[in-house]
Amino acid sequence: MDTLNEYILKNTCCGRINEIIDITEKYFQKKVSNLSPQIKANILCSVMRITIDDLDHIIADHSEVSRTIKGHAFEVVFDAMMAINEISCIEKGGDTDIDRIINTLYN
């Protein structure tokens, strides 16, 4: 059997994240959400053909990248806090200033 990197590179067509997730789940026979952060970072770096240090520098040296990551991390923690406290929190998609609607009867 191919190594993980060989398998991913052989089966990657366009490099879209959904494609990478599908290939990874087929290789490991489990959901990507159940893989360690280190494995996910290695896969991403393999597809982009960069090192973990390169990825770290990209995040650290480009505020637009780090802001996006910090924003997403905040949303994940915020959603978990709302769920733990049984507070209604509806995620809104799209390109607006409103990301969540909290404790409302209206959608």
PDB file of N, CA and C in Angstrom:
ATOM      1  N   MET A   1       0.842  -1.193   0.000  1.00  0.00           N
ATOM      2  CA  MET A   1       0.000   0.000   0.000  1.00  0.00           C
ATOM      3  C   MET A   1       0.880   1.247   0.000  1.00  0.00           C
ATOM      4  N   ASP A   2       0.383   2.281  -0.651  1.00  0.00           N
ATOM      5  CA  ASP A   2       1.099   3.544  -0.714  1.00  0.00           C
ATOM      6  C   ASP A   2       1.196   4.181   0.669  1.00  0.00           C
ATOM      7  N   THR A   3       2.231   5.017   0.846  1.00  0.00           N
ATOM      8  CA  THR A   3       2.265   5.841   2.055  1.00  0.00           C
ATOM      9  C   THR A   3       1.139   6.860   1.943  1.00  0.00           C
ATOM     10  N   LEU A   4       0.836   7.489   3.051  1.00  0.00           N
ATOM     11  CA  LEU A   4      -0.232   8.494   3.053  1.00  0.00           C
ATOM     12  C   LEU A   4       0.040   9.582   2.023  1.00  0.00           C
ATOM     13  N   ASN A   5       1.244  10.129   2.000  1.00  0.00           N
ATOM     14  CA  ASN A   5       1.564  11.190   1.050  1.00  0.00           C
ATOM     15  C   ASN A   5       1.406  10.725  -0.389  1.00  0.00           C
ATOM     16  N   GLU A   6       1.909   9.529  -0.705  1.00  0.00           N
ATOM     17  CA  GLU A   6       1.773   8.991  -2.064  1.00  0.00           C
ATOM     18  C   GLU A   6       0.303   8.819  -2.428  1.00  0.00           C
ATOM     19  N   TYR A   7      -0.471   8.268  -1.505  1.00  0.00           N
ATOM     20  CA  TYR A   7      -1.898   8.027  -1.741  1.00  0.00           C
ATOM     21  C   TYR A   7      -2.635   9.336  -2.025  1.00  0.00           C
ATOM     22  N   ILE A   8      -2.378  10.341  -1.197  1.00  0.00           N
ATOM     23  CA  ILE A   8      -3.055  11.632  -1.366  1.00  0.00           C
ATOM     24  C   ILE A   8      -2.653  12.275  -2.684  1.00  0.00           C
ATOM     25  N   LEU A   9      -1.362  12.298  -2.978  1.00  0.00           N
ATOM     26  CA  LEU A   9      -0.903  12.945  -4.210  1.00  0.00           C
ATOM     27  C   LEU A   9      -1.386  12.207  -5.460  1.00  0.00           C
ATOM     28  N   LYS A  10      -1.468  10.875  -5.406  1.00  0.00           N
ATOM     29  CA  LYS A  10      -1.973  10.099  -6.544  1.00  0.00           C
ATOM     30  C   LYS A  10      -3.458  10.353  -6.796  1.00  0.00           C
ATOM     31  N   ASN A  11      -4.207  10.584  -5.722  1.00  0.00           N
ATOM     32  CA  ASN A  11      -5.657  10.677  -5.838  1.00  0.00           C
ATOM     33  C   ASN A  11      -6.202  12.099  -5.812  1.00  0.00           C
ATOM     34  N   THR A  12      -5.331  13.086  -5.701  1.00  0.00           N
ATOM     35  CA  THR A  12      -5.777  14.472  -5.678  1.00  0.00           C
ATOM     36  C   THR A  12      -5.847  14.998  -7.106  1.00  0.00           C
ATOM     37  N   CYS A  13      -6.996  15.526  -7.450  1.00  0.00           N
ATOM     38  CA  CYS A  13      -7.196  16.066  -8.795  1.00  0.00           C
ATOM     39  C   CYS A  13      -7.075  17.584  -8.789  1.00  0.00           C
ATOM     40  N   CYS A  14      -7.909  18.231  -7.963  1.00  0.00           N
ATOM     41  CA  CYS A  14      -7.969  19.694  -7.999  1.00  0.00           C
ATOM     42  C   CYS A  14      -7.470  20.353  -6.716  1.00  0.00           C
ATOM     43  N   GLY A  15      -7.283  19.590  -5.641  1.00  0.00           N
ATOM     44  CA  GLY A  15      -6.770  20.142  -4.399  1.00  0.00           C
ATOM     45  C   GLY A  15      -7.788  20.877  -3.552  1.00  0.00           C
ATOM     46  N   ARG A  16      -9.061  20.743  -3.889  1.00  0.00           N
ATOM     47  CA  ARG A  16     -10.107  21.371  -3.067  1.00  0.00           C
ATOM     48  C   ARG A  16     -10.200  20.651  -1.729  1.00  0.00           C
ATOM     49  N   ILE A  17     -10.539  21.374  -0.696  1.00  0.00           N
ATOM     50  CA  ILE A  17     -10.529  20.811   0.650  1.00  0.00           C
ATOM     51  C   ILE A  17     -11.479  19.615   0.777  1.00  0.00           C
ATOM     52  N   ASN A  18     -12.645  19.664   0.131  1.00  0.00           N
ATOM     53  CA  ASN A  18     -13.569  18.516   0.189  1.00  0.00           C
ATOM     54  C   ASN A  18     -12.945  17.271  -0.422  1.00  0.00           C
ATOM     55  N   GLU A  19     -12.209  17.464  -1.494  1.00  0.00           N
ATOM     56  CA  GLU A  19     -11.530  16.340  -2.128  1.00  0.00           C
ATOM     57  C   GLU A  19     -10.463  15.761  -1.193  1.00  0.00           C
ATOM     58  N   ILE A  20      -9.702  16.617  -0.557  1.00  0.00           N
ATOM     59  CA  ILE A  20      -8.656  16.173   0.365  1.00  0.00           C
ATOM     60  C   ILE A  20      -9.276  15.423   1.539  1.00  0.00           C
ATOM     61  N   ILE A  21     -10.379  15.926   2.055  1.00  0.00           N
ATOM     62  CA  ILE A  21     -11.073  15.259   3.162  1.00  0.00           C
ATOM     63  C   ILE A  21     -11.552  13.873   2.731  1.00  0.00           C
ATOM     64  N   ASP A  22     -12.180  13.772   1.565  1.00  0.00           N
ATOM     65  CA  ASP A  22     -12.672  12.475   1.074  1.00  0.00           C
ATOM     66  C   ASP A  22     -11.535  11.463   0.923  1.00  0.00           C
ATOM     67  N   ILE A  23     -10.433  11.895   0.336  1.00  0.00           N
ATOM     68  CA  ILE A  23      -9.291  11.002   0.129  1.00  0.00           C
ATOM     69  C   ILE A  23      -8.721  10.547   1.468  1.00  0.00           C
ATOM     70  N   THR A  24      -8.603  11.477   2.395  1.00  0.00           N
ATOM     71  CA  THR A  24      -8.053  11.165   3.722  1.00  0.00           C
ATOM     72  C   THR A  24      -8.950  10.178   4.462  1.00  0.00           C
ATOM     73  N   GLU A  25     -10.264  10.389   4.399  1.00  0.00           N
ATOM     74  CA  GLU A  25     -11.192   9.478   5.082  1.00  0.00           C
ATOM     75  C   GLU A  25     -11.147   8.084   4.466  1.00  0.00           C
ATOM     76  N   LYS A  26     -10.968   7.990   3.166  1.00  0.00           N
ATOM     77  CA  LYS A  26     -10.844   6.675   2.530  1.00  0.00           C
ATOM     78  C   LYS A  26      -9.559   5.982   2.971  1.00  0.00           C
ATOM     79  N   TYR A  27      -8.478   6.739   3.068  1.00  0.00           N
ATOM     80  CA  TYR A  27      -7.195   6.159   3.466  1.00  0.00           C
ATOM     81  C   TYR A  27      -7.246   5.642   4.904  1.00  0.00           C
ATOM     82  N   PHE A  28      -7.760   6.462   5.822  1.00  0.00           N
ATOM     83  CA  PHE A  28      -7.779   6.100   7.234  1.00  0.00           C
ATOM     84  C   PHE A  28      -9.013   5.302   7.644  1.00  0.00           C
ATOM     85  N   GLN A  29     -10.029   5.252   6.771  1.00  0.00           N
ATOM     86  CA  GLN A  29     -11.285   4.575   7.086  1.00  0.00           C
ATOM     87  C   GLN A  29     -11.940   5.139   8.339  1.00  0.00           C
ATOM     88  N   LYS A  30     -11.843   6.455   8.503  1.00  0.00           N
ATOM     89  CA  LYS A  30     -12.513   7.148   9.601  1.00  0.00           C
ATOM     90  C   LYS A  30     -12.663   8.614   9.241  1.00  0.00           C
ATOM     91  N   LYS A  31     -13.519   9.291   9.966  1.00  0.00           N
ATOM     92  CA  LYS A  31     -13.778  10.710   9.734  1.00  0.00           C
ATOM     93  C   LYS A  31     -12.543  11.546  10.042  1.00  0.00           C
ATOM     94  N   VAL A  32     -12.333  12.590   9.266  1.00  0.00           N
ATOM     95  CA  VAL A  32     -11.210  13.492   9.483  1.00  0.00           C
ATOM     96  C   VAL A  32     -11.288  14.123  10.871  1.00  0.00           C
ATOM     97  N   SER A  33     -12.492  14.374  11.355  1.00  0.00           N
ATOM     98  CA  SER A  33     -12.657  14.973  12.684  1.00  0.00           C
ATOM     99  C   SER A  33     -12.087  14.087  13.789  1.00  0.00           C
ATOM    100  N   ASN A  34     -11.892  12.800  13.508  1.00  0.00           N
ATOM    101  CA  ASN A  34     -11.325  11.883  14.493  1.00  0.00           C
ATOM    102  C   ASN A  34      -9.812  11.726  14.372  1.00  0.00           C
ATOM    103  N   LEU A  35      -9.195  12.456  13.442  1.00  0.00           N
ATOM    104  CA  LEU A  35      -7.738  12.408  13.280  1.00  0.00           C
ATOM    105  C   LEU A  35      -7.087  13.492  14.130  1.00  0.00           C
ATOM    106  N   SER A  36      -5.853  13.271  14.496  1.00  0.00           N
ATOM    107  CA  SER A  36      -5.140  14.247  15.317  1.00  0.00           C
ATOM    108  C   SER A  36      -4.840  15.513  14.507  1.00  0.00           C
ATOM    109  N   PRO A  37      -4.706  16.636  15.196  1.00  0.00           N
ATOM    110  CA  PRO A  37      -4.330  17.882  14.501  1.00  0.00           C
ATOM    111  C   PRO A  37      -3.009  17.735  13.743  1.00  0.00           C
ATOM    112  N   GLN A  38      -2.069  16.966  14.298  1.00  0.00           N
ATOM    113  CA  GLN A  38      -0.773  16.773  13.635  1.00  0.00           C
ATOM    114  C   GLN A  38      -0.940  16.061  12.288  1.00  0.00           C
ATOM    115  N   ILE A  39      -1.763  15.017  12.263  1.00  0.00           N
ATOM    116  CA  ILE A  39      -1.998  14.301  10.999  1.00  0.00           C
ATOM    117  C   ILE A  39      -2.661  15.226   9.992  1.00  0.00           C
ATOM    118  N   LYS A  40      -3.658  15.994  10.433  1.00  0.00           N
ATOM    119  CA  LYS A  40      -4.346  16.913   9.507  1.00  0.00           C
ATOM    120  C   LYS A  40      -3.389  17.967   8.973  1.00  0.00           C
ATOM    121  N   ALA A  41      -2.519  18.494   9.824  1.00  0.00           N
ATOM    122  CA  ALA A  41      -1.542  19.489   9.371  1.00  0.00           C
ATOM    123  C   ALA A  41      -0.568  18.871   8.373  1.00  0.00           C
ATOM    124  N   ASN A  42      -0.128  17.645   8.649  1.00  0.00           N
ATOM    125  CA  ASN A  42       0.793  16.972   7.725  1.00  0.00           C
ATOM    126  C   ASN A  42       0.151  16.742   6.361  1.00  0.00           C
ATOM    127  N   ILE A  43      -1.118  16.376   6.352  1.00  0.00           N
ATOM    128  CA  ILE A  43      -1.832  16.150   5.091  1.00  0.00           C
ATOM    129  C   ILE A  43      -1.930  17.455   4.311  1.00  0.00           C
ATOM    130  N   LEU A  44      -2.349  18.512   4.989  1.00  0.00           N
ATOM    131  CA  LEU A  44      -2.466  19.812   4.329  1.00  0.00           C
ATOM    132  C   LEU A  44      -1.125  20.260   3.748  1.00  0.00           C
ATOM    133  N   CYS A  45      -0.073  20.112   4.517  1.00  0.00           N
ATOM    134  CA  CYS A  45       1.259  20.505   4.044  1.00  0.00           C
ATOM    135  C   CYS A  45       1.703  19.638   2.872  1.00  0.00           C
ATOM    136  N   SER A  46       1.384  18.357   2.922  1.00  0.00           N
ATOM    137  CA  SER A  46       1.753  17.454   1.831  1.00  0.00           C
ATOM    138  C   SER A  46       1.098  17.890   0.520  1.00  0.00           C
ATOM    139  N   VAL A  47      -0.179  18.210   0.581  1.00  0.00           N
ATOM    140  CA  VAL A  47      -0.906  18.628  -0.630  1.00  0.00           C
ATOM    141  C   VAL A  47      -0.347  19.945  -1.165  1.00  0.00           C
ATOM    142  N   MET A  48      -0.032  20.867  -0.251  1.00  0.00           N
ATOM    143  CA  MET A  48       0.489  22.176  -0.671  1.00  0.00           C
ATOM    144  C   MET A  48       1.991  22.137  -0.951  1.00  0.00           C
ATOM    145  N   ARG A  49       2.619  20.999  -0.625  1.00  0.00           N
ATOM    146  CA  ARG A  49       4.061  20.796  -0.818  1.00  0.00           C
ATOM    147  C   ARG A  49       4.885  21.848  -0.070  1.00  0.00           C
ATOM    148  N   ILE A  50       4.522  22.009   1.202  1.00  0.00           N
ATOM    149  CA  ILE A  50       5.267  22.884   2.101  1.00  0.00           C
ATOM    150  C   ILE A  50       5.535  22.124   3.396  1.00  0.00           C
ATOM    151  N   THR A  51       6.388  22.690   4.248  1.00  0.00           N
ATOM    152  CA  THR A  51       6.667  22.058   5.538  1.00  0.00           C
ATOM    153  C   THR A  51       5.752  22.656   6.608  1.00  0.00           C
ATOM    154  N   ILE A  52       5.724  22.009   7.767  1.00  0.00           N
ATOM    155  CA  ILE A  52       4.968  22.533   8.906  1.00  0.00           C
ATOM    156  C   ILE A  52       5.518  23.912   9.290  1.00  0.00           C
ATOM    157  N   ASP A  53       6.842  24.070   9.235  1.00  0.00           N
ATOM    158  CA  ASP A  53       7.438  25.381   9.540  1.00  0.00           C
ATOM    159  C   ASP A  53       6.976  26.445   8.552  1.00  0.00           C
ATOM    160  N   ASP A  54       6.873  26.079   7.270  1.00  0.00           N
ATOM    161  CA  ASP A  54       6.361  27.025   6.269  1.00  0.00           C
ATOM    162  C   ASP A  54       4.941  27.450   6.619  1.00  0.00           C
ATOM    163  N   LEU A  55       4.107  26.477   6.990  1.00  0.00           N
ATOM    164  CA  LEU A  55       2.724  26.776   7.348  1.00  0.00           C
ATOM    165  C   LEU A  55       2.678  27.698   8.564  1.00  0.00           C
ATOM    166  N   ASP A  56       3.505  27.419   9.546  1.00  0.00           N
ATOM    167  CA  ASP A  56       3.569  28.250  10.748  1.00  0.00           C
ATOM    168  C   ASP A  56       3.957  29.687  10.401  1.00  0.00           C
ATOM    169  N   HIS A  57       4.929  29.840   9.520  1.00  0.00           N
ATOM    170  CA  HIS A  57       5.355  31.185   9.110  1.00  0.00           C
ATOM    171  C   HIS A  57       4.260  31.920   8.334  1.00  0.00           C
ATOM    172  N   ILE A  58       3.553  31.209   7.483  1.00  0.00           N
ATOM    173  CA  ILE A  58       2.458  31.827   6.728  1.00  0.00           C
ATOM    174  C   ILE A  58       1.410  32.382   7.685  1.00  0.00           C
ATOM    175  N   ILE A  59       1.040  31.570   8.674  1.00  0.00           N
ATOM    176  CA  ILE A  59       0.032  32.004   9.644  1.00  0.00           C
ATOM    177  C   ILE A  59       0.541  33.176  10.477  1.00  0.00           C
ATOM    178  N   ALA A  60       1.778  33.073  10.949  1.00  0.00           N
ATOM    179  CA  ALA A  60       2.332  34.108  11.829  1.00  0.00           C
ATOM    180  C   ALA A  60       2.618  35.413  11.094  1.00  0.00           C
ATOM    181  N   ASP A  61       3.033  35.332   9.842  1.00  0.00           N
ATOM    182  CA  ASP A  61       3.481  36.528   9.111  1.00  0.00           C
ATOM    183  C   ASP A  61       2.394  37.230   8.312  1.00  0.00           C
ATOM    184  N   HIS A  62       1.206  36.645   8.248  1.00  0.00           N
ATOM    185  CA  HIS A  62       0.134  37.240   7.446  1.00  0.00           C
ATOM    186  C   HIS A  62      -1.106  37.407   8.311  1.00  0.00           C
ATOM    187  N   SER A  63      -1.360  38.643   8.716  1.00  0.00           N
ATOM    188  CA  SER A  63      -2.458  38.909   9.647  1.00  0.00           C
ATOM    189  C   SER A  63      -3.807  38.470   9.097  1.00  0.00           C
ATOM    190  N   GLU A  64      -4.003  38.547   7.785  1.00  0.00           N
ATOM    191  CA  GLU A  64      -5.288  38.139   7.221  1.00  0.00           C
ATOM    192  C   GLU A  64      -5.536  36.646   7.411  1.00  0.00           C
ATOM    193  N   VAL A  65      -4.475  35.860   7.436  1.00  0.00           N
ATOM    194  CA  VAL A  65      -4.599  34.420   7.678  1.00  0.00           C
ATOM    195  C   VAL A  65      -4.849  34.160   9.158  1.00  0.00           C
ATOM    196  N   SER A  66      -4.056  34.789  10.013  1.00  0.00           N
ATOM    197  CA  SER A  66      -4.222  34.537  11.450  1.00  0.00           C
ATOM    198  C   SER A  66      -5.565  35.054  11.956  1.00  0.00           C
ATOM    199  N   ARG A  67      -6.061  36.178  11.418  1.00  0.00           N
ATOM    200  CA  ARG A  67      -7.380  36.678  11.827  1.00  0.00           C
ATOM    201  C   ARG A  67      -8.471  35.676  11.478  1.00  0.00           C
ATOM    202  N   THR A  68      -8.387  35.087  10.306  1.00  0.00           N
ATOM    203  CA  THR A  68      -9.375  34.098   9.879  1.00  0.00           C
ATOM    204  C   THR A  68      -9.353  32.882  10.800  1.00  0.00           C
ATOM    205  N   ILE A  69      -8.173  32.402  11.121  1.00  0.00           N
ATOM    206  CA  ILE A  69      -8.042  31.235  11.998  1.00  0.00           C
ATOM    207  C   ILE A  69      -8.555  31.565  13.394  1.00  0.00           C
ATOM    208  N   LYS A  70      -8.183  32.725  13.923  1.00  0.00           N
ATOM    209  CA  LYS A  70      -8.656  33.127  15.255  1.00  0.00           C
ATOM    210  C   LYS A  70     -10.175  33.270  15.261  1.00  0.00           C
ATOM    211  N   GLY A  71     -10.732  33.844  14.203  1.00  0.00           N
ATOM    212  CA  GLY A  71     -12.183  34.010  14.118  1.00  0.00           C
ATOM    213  C   GLY A  71     -12.901  32.680  14.103  1.00  0.00           C
ATOM    214  N   HIS A  72     -12.392  31.739  13.332  1.00  0.00           N
ATOM    215  CA  HIS A  72     -13.018  30.417  13.278  1.00  0.00           C
ATOM    216  C   HIS A  72     -12.905  29.713  14.629  1.00  0.00           C
ATOM    217  N   ALA A  73     -11.728  29.796  15.247  1.00  0.00           N
ATOM    218  CA  ALA A  73     -11.544  29.167  16.556  1.00  0.00           C
ATOM    219  C   ALA A  73     -12.518  29.753  17.572  1.00  0.00           C
ATOM    220  N   PHE A  74     -12.699  31.066  17.537  1.00  0.00           N
ATOM    221  CA  PHE A  74     -13.650  31.700  18.445  1.00  0.00           C
ATOM    222  C   PHE A  74     -15.057  31.161  18.208  1.00  0.00           C
ATOM    223  N   GLU A  75     -15.468  31.066  16.941  1.00  0.00           N
ATOM    224  CA  GLU A  75     -16.812  30.578  16.632  1.00  0.00           C
ATOM    225  C   GLU A  75     -17.022  29.151  17.132  1.00  0.00           C
ATOM    226  N   VAL A  76     -16.019  28.300  16.996  1.00  0.00           N
ATOM    227  CA  VAL A  76     -16.129  26.913  17.470  1.00  0.00           C
ATOM    228  C   VAL A  76     -16.319  26.886  18.985  1.00  0.00           C
ATOM    229  N   VAL A  77     -15.499  27.656  19.705  1.00  0.00           N
ATOM    230  CA  VAL A  77     -15.611  27.705  21.175  1.00  0.00           C
ATOM    231  C   VAL A  77     -16.946  28.323  21.578  1.00  0.00           C
ATOM    232  N   PHE A  78     -17.341  29.403  20.918  1.00  0.00           N
ATOM    233  CA  PHE A  78     -18.600  30.079  21.225  1.00  0.00           C
ATOM    234  C   PHE A  78     -19.779  29.133  21.037  1.00  0.00           C
ATOM    235  N   ASP A  79     -19.817  28.418  19.911  1.00  0.00           N
ATOM    236  CA  ASP A  79     -20.902  27.468  19.650  1.00  0.00           C
ATOM    237  C   ASP A  79     -20.942  26.372  20.714  1.00  0.00           C
ATOM    238  N   ALA A  80     -19.773  25.889  21.124  1.00  0.00           N
ATOM    239  CA  ALA A  80     -19.722  24.854  22.164  1.00  0.00           C
ATOM    240  C   ALA A  80     -20.248  25.391  23.486  1.00  0.00           C
ATOM    241  N   MET A  81     -19.883  26.631  23.829  1.00  0.00           N
ATOM    242  CA  MET A  81     -20.369  27.233  25.071  1.00  0.00           C
ATOM    243  C   MET A  81     -21.888  27.399  25.044  1.00  0.00           C
ATOM    244  N   MET A  82     -22.427  27.804  23.922  1.00  0.00           N
ATOM    245  CA  MET A  82     -23.876  27.956  23.805  1.00  0.00           C
ATOM    246  C   MET A  82     -24.570  26.606  23.961  1.00  0.00           C
ATOM    247  N   ALA A  83     -24.021  25.568  23.320  1.00  0.00           N
ATOM    248  CA  ALA A  83     -24.613  24.229  23.405  1.00  0.00           C
ATOM    249  C   ALA A  83     -24.548  23.686  24.828  1.00  0.00           C
ATOM    250  N   ILE A  84     -23.406  23.840  25.485  1.00  0.00           N
ATOM    251  CA  ILE A  84     -23.251  23.357  26.863  1.00  0.00           C
ATOM    252  C   ILE A  84     -24.273  24.013  27.787  1.00  0.00           C
ATOM    253  N   ASN A  85     -24.536  25.288  27.550  1.00  0.00           N
ATOM    254  CA  ASN A  85     -25.465  26.040  28.402  1.00  0.00           C
ATOM    255  C   ASN A  85     -26.900  26.019  27.874  1.00  0.00           C
ATOM    256  N   GLU A  86     -27.137  25.172  26.862  1.00  0.00           N
ATOM    257  CA  GLU A  86     -28.463  24.997  26.269  1.00  0.00           C
ATOM    258  C   GLU A  86     -29.098  26.321  25.836  1.00  0.00           C
ATOM    259  N   ILE A  87     -28.267  27.152  25.222  1.00  0.00           N
ATOM    260  CA  ILE A  87     -28.731  28.433  24.692  1.00  0.00           C
ATOM    261  C   ILE A  87     -28.918  28.281  23.186  1.00  0.00           C
ATOM    262  N   SER A  88     -30.072  28.678  22.707  1.00  0.00           N
ATOM    263  CA  SER A  88     -30.363  28.595  21.280  1.00  0.00           C
ATOM    264  C   SER A  88     -29.382  29.475  20.501  1.00  0.00           C
ATOM    265  N   CYS A  89     -28.704  28.864  19.542  1.00  0.00           N
ATOM    266  CA  CYS A  89     -27.721  29.585  18.732  1.00  0.00           C
ATOM    267  C   CYS A  89     -27.832  29.074  17.301  1.00  0.00           C
ATOM    268  N   ILE A  90     -28.300  29.932  16.414  1.00  0.00           N
ATOM    269  CA  ILE A  90     -28.495  29.556  15.018  1.00  0.00           C
ATOM    270  C   ILE A  90     -27.388  30.184  14.185  1.00  0.00           C
ATOM    271  N   GLU A  91     -26.637  29.343  13.488  1.00  0.00           N
ATOM    272  CA  GLU A  91     -25.566  29.838  12.621  1.00  0.00           C
ATOM    273  C   GLU A  91     -26.187  30.357  11.332  1.00  0.00           C
ATOM    274  N   LYS A  92     -25.810  31.545  10.933  1.00  0.00           N
ATOM    275  CA  LYS A  92     -26.284  32.138   9.688  1.00  0.00           C
ATOM    276  C   LYS A  92     -25.146  32.155   8.685  1.00  0.00           C
ATOM    277  N   GLY A  93     -25.385  31.649   7.520  1.00  0.00           N
ATOM    278  CA  GLY A  93     -24.369  31.655   6.478  1.00  0.00           C
ATOM    279  C   GLY A  93     -24.461  32.901   5.628  1.00  0.00           C
ATOM    280  N   GLY A  94     -23.610  32.954   4.668  1.00  0.00           N
ATOM    281  CA  GLY A  94     -23.656  34.082   3.738  1.00  0.00           C
ATOM    282  C   GLY A  94     -22.663  35.169   4.106  1.00  0.00           C
ATOM    283  N   ASP A  95     -22.663  36.183   3.292  1.00  0.00           N
ATOM    284  CA  ASP A  95     -21.684  37.259   3.437  1.00  0.00           C
ATOM    285  C   ASP A  95     -22.333  38.470   4.096  1.00  0.00           C
ATOM    286  N   THR A  96     -22.634  38.334   5.395  1.00  0.00           N
ATOM    287  CA  THR A  96     -23.226  39.439   6.144  1.00  0.00           C
ATOM    288  C   THR A  96     -22.421  39.643   7.422  1.00  0.00           C
ATOM    289  N   ASP A  97     -22.765  40.673   8.168  1.00  0.00           N
ATOM    290  CA  ASP A  97     -22.108  40.936   9.448  1.00  0.00           C
ATOM    291  C   ASP A  97     -22.643  40.055  10.562  1.00  0.00           C
ATOM    292  N   ILE A  98     -23.737  39.347  10.318  1.00  0.00           N
ATOM    293  CA  ILE A  98     -24.373  38.524  11.347  1.00  0.00           C
ATOM    294  C   ILE A  98     -23.994  37.060  11.115  1.00  0.00           C
ATOM    295  N   ASP A  99     -23.296  36.475  12.099  1.00  0.00           N
ATOM    296  CA  ASP A  99     -22.888  35.069  12.010  1.00  0.00           C
ATOM    297  C   ASP A  99     -23.770  34.144  12.827  1.00  0.00           C
ATOM    298  N   ARG A 100     -24.345  34.667  13.920  1.00  0.00           N
ATOM    299  CA  ARG A 100     -25.149  33.862  14.818  1.00  0.00           C
ATOM    300  C   ARG A 100     -26.370  34.645  15.279  1.00  0.00           C
ATOM    301  N   ILE A 101     -27.468  33.939  15.509  1.00  0.00           N
ATOM    302  CA  ILE A 101     -28.667  34.529  16.134  1.00  0.00           C
ATOM    303  C   ILE A 101     -28.873  33.751  17.423  1.00  0.00           C
ATOM    304  N   ILE A 102     -28.954  34.502  18.529  1.00  0.00           N
ATOM    305  CA  ILE A 102     -29.007  33.903  19.861  1.00  0.00           C
ATOM    306  C   ILE A 102     -30.378  34.147  20.483  1.00  0.00           C
ATOM    307  N   ASN A 103     -30.936  33.087  21.092  1.00  0.00           N
ATOM    308  CA  ASN A 103     -32.185  33.178  21.874  1.00  0.00           C
ATOM    309  C   ASN A 103     -33.267  34.006  21.204  1.00  0.00           C
ATOM    310  N   THR A 104     -33.677  33.598  20.063  1.00  0.00           N
ATOM    311  CA  THR A 104     -34.738  34.334  19.374  1.00  0.00           C
ATOM    312  C   THR A 104     -35.813  33.382  18.893  1.00  0.00           C
ATOM    313  N   LEU A 105     -36.999  33.904  18.739  1.00  0.00           N
ATOM    314  CA  LEU A 105     -38.108  33.111  18.197  1.00  0.00           C
ATOM    315  C   LEU A 105     -38.176  33.243  16.686  1.00  0.00           C
ATOM    316  N   TYR A 106     -37.392  34.156  16.142  1.00  0.00           N
ATOM    317  CA  TYR A 106     -37.426  34.445  14.705  1.00  0.00           C
ATOM    318  C   TYR A 106     -36.226  33.849  14.009  1.00  0.00           C
ATOM    319  N   ASN A 107     -36.389  33.390  12.786  1.00  0.00           N
ATOM    320  CA  ASN A 107     -35.265  32.845  12.008  1.00  0.00           C
ATOM    321  C   ASN A 107     -34.846  33.814  10.967  1.00  0.00           C
TER     322      ASN A 107
END
